[in-house]
């Protein structure tokens, strides 16, 4: 299971965000070794390859937000 911290903006109003945590897994792992709790996770089920593709293309039609940068936790 991987965790990533993302930055980007909301499609509807272009407001920027940063520091939201996403994971490539669809469920929460209580033994995540990052000290995260489930409420810390903004979005489940997005892989690093999907993040990279979204940054490259600057868009994903299935989400309400656009990722512009990330780092692996």
C-alpha atoms as a PDB file:
ATOM      1  CA  UNK A   1       0.000   0.000   0.000  1.00  0.00           C
ATOM      2  CA  UNK A   2       1.361   3.400  -1.000  1.00  0.00           C
ATOM      3  CA  UNK A   3       0.390   6.827   0.248  1.00  0.00           C
ATOM      4  CA  UNK A   4       0.857  10.091  -1.611  1.00  0.00           C
ATOM      5  CA  UNK A   5       0.409  13.725  -0.688  1.00  0.00           C
ATOM      6  CA  UNK A   6      -1.164  15.657  -3.547  1.00  0.00           C
ATOM      7  CA  UNK A   7      -1.609  19.277  -4.543  1.00  0.00           C
ATOM      8  CA  UNK A   8      -3.983  20.595  -7.174  1.00  0.00           C
ATOM      9  CA  UNK A   9      -7.223  22.478  -7.658  1.00  0.00           C
ATOM     10  CA  UNK A  10     -10.988  21.935  -7.687  1.00  0.00           C
ATOM     11  CA  UNK A  11     -12.538  21.924 -11.155  1.00  0.00           C
ATOM     12  CA  UNK A  12     -15.661  23.870 -10.197  1.00  0.00           C
ATOM     13  CA  UNK A  13     -14.076  26.996  -8.714  1.00  0.00           C
ATOM     14  CA  UNK A  14     -10.336  26.595  -9.414  1.00  0.00           C
ATOM     15  CA  UNK A  15      -9.539  26.833  -5.664  1.00  0.00           C
ATOM     16  CA  UNK A  16      -6.163  25.280  -4.968  1.00  0.00           C
ATOM     17  CA  UNK A  17      -5.408  22.654  -2.323  1.00  0.00           C
ATOM     18  CA  UNK A  18      -2.271  20.999  -1.036  1.00  0.00           C
ATOM     19  CA  UNK A  19      -1.284  18.264   1.382  1.00  0.00           C
ATOM     20  CA  UNK A  20      -4.232  15.945   0.775  1.00  0.00           C
ATOM     21  CA  UNK A  21      -3.367  12.274   1.296  1.00  0.00           C
ATOM     22  CA  UNK A  22      -4.418   9.631  -1.217  1.00  0.00           C
ATOM     23  CA  UNK A  23      -3.678   5.926  -1.419  1.00  0.00           C
ATOM     24  CA  UNK A  24      -3.536   3.344  -4.178  1.00  0.00           C
ATOM     25  CA  UNK A  25      -5.544   0.901  -2.102  1.00  0.00           C
ATOM     26  CA  UNK A  26      -9.364   0.793  -1.857  1.00  0.00           C
ATOM     27  CA  UNK A  27      -9.473   0.122   1.888  1.00  0.00           C
ATOM     28  CA  UNK A  28      -7.805   1.556   4.943  1.00  0.00           C
ATOM     29  CA  UNK A  29      -4.770  -0.212   6.397  1.00  0.00           C
ATOM     30  CA  UNK A  30      -4.598   0.312  10.148  1.00  0.00           C
ATOM     31  CA  UNK A  31      -0.955  -0.811  10.131  1.00  0.00           C
ATOM     32  CA  UNK A  32       0.150   1.842   7.650  1.00  0.00           C
ATOM     33  CA  UNK A  33       3.391   2.829   9.445  1.00  0.00           C
ATOM     34  CA  UNK A  34       2.669   6.508   8.729  1.00  0.00           C
ATOM     35  CA  UNK A  35       0.499   7.135  11.774  1.00  0.00           C
ATOM     36  CA  UNK A  36      -2.475   7.865   9.527  1.00  0.00           C
ATOM     37  CA  UNK A  37      -6.059   7.249  10.513  1.00  0.00           C
ATOM     38  CA  UNK A  38      -8.847   6.666   8.022  1.00  0.00           C
ATOM     39  CA  UNK A  39     -10.069  10.268   8.314  1.00  0.00           C
ATOM     40  CA  UNK A  40      -6.637  11.439   7.091  1.00  0.00           C
ATOM     41  CA  UNK A  41      -7.208   9.839   3.690  1.00  0.00           C
ATOM     42  CA  UNK A  42      -8.783  12.180   1.153  1.00  0.00           C
ATOM     43  CA  UNK A  43      -9.139   9.668  -1.693  1.00  0.00           C
ATOM     44  CA  UNK A  44      -8.790   5.883  -1.985  1.00  0.00           C
ATOM     45  CA  UNK A  45      -7.820   3.881  -5.045  1.00  0.00           C
ATOM     46  CA  UNK A  46      -5.539   6.112  -7.107  1.00  0.00           C
ATOM     47  CA  UNK A  47      -2.218   4.655  -8.199  1.00  0.00           C
ATOM     48  CA  UNK A  48       1.046   6.491  -8.698  1.00  0.00           C
ATOM     49  CA  UNK A  49       0.780   5.876 -12.453  1.00  0.00           C
ATOM     50  CA  UNK A  50      -2.684   7.468 -12.485  1.00  0.00           C
ATOM     51  CA  UNK A  51      -1.331  10.463 -10.569  1.00  0.00           C
ATOM     52  CA  UNK A  52       1.546  10.858 -13.036  1.00  0.00           C
ATOM     53  CA  UNK A  53      -0.814  10.553 -16.022  1.00  0.00           C
ATOM     54  CA  UNK A  54      -3.166  13.134 -14.547  1.00  0.00           C
ATOM     55  CA  UNK A  55      -0.338  15.595 -13.931  1.00  0.00           C
ATOM     56  CA  UNK A  56       0.887  15.038 -17.489  1.00  0.00           C
ATOM     57  CA  UNK A  57      -2.589  15.494 -19.017  1.00  0.00           C
ATOM     58  CA  UNK A  58      -3.784  18.038 -16.410  1.00  0.00           C
ATOM     59  CA  UNK A  59      -7.224  16.413 -16.273  1.00  0.00           C
ATOM     60  CA  UNK A  60      -9.266  13.381 -15.240  1.00  0.00           C
ATOM     61  CA  UNK A  61     -12.959  13.430 -16.227  1.00  0.00           C
ATOM     62  CA  UNK A  62     -13.941  11.124 -13.355  1.00  0.00           C
ATOM     63  CA  UNK A  63     -12.836  13.378 -10.500  1.00  0.00           C
ATOM     64  CA  UNK A  64     -13.907  16.788  -9.200  1.00  0.00           C
ATOM     65  CA  UNK A  65     -10.297  17.851  -8.814  1.00  0.00           C
ATOM     66  CA  UNK A  66      -7.089  18.050 -10.825  1.00  0.00           C
ATOM     67  CA  UNK A  67      -3.738  16.908  -9.420  1.00  0.00           C
ATOM     68  CA  UNK A  68      -0.818  19.167 -10.290  1.00  0.00           C
ATOM     69  CA  UNK A  69       1.903  17.765  -8.017  1.00  0.00           C
ATOM     70  CA  UNK A  70       2.523  14.912  -5.586  1.00  0.00           C
ATOM     71  CA  UNK A  71       5.064  13.271  -3.359  1.00  0.00           C
ATOM     72  CA  UNK A  72       5.216   9.735  -2.049  1.00  0.00           C
ATOM     73  CA  UNK A  73       4.935   9.403   1.728  1.00  0.00           C
END
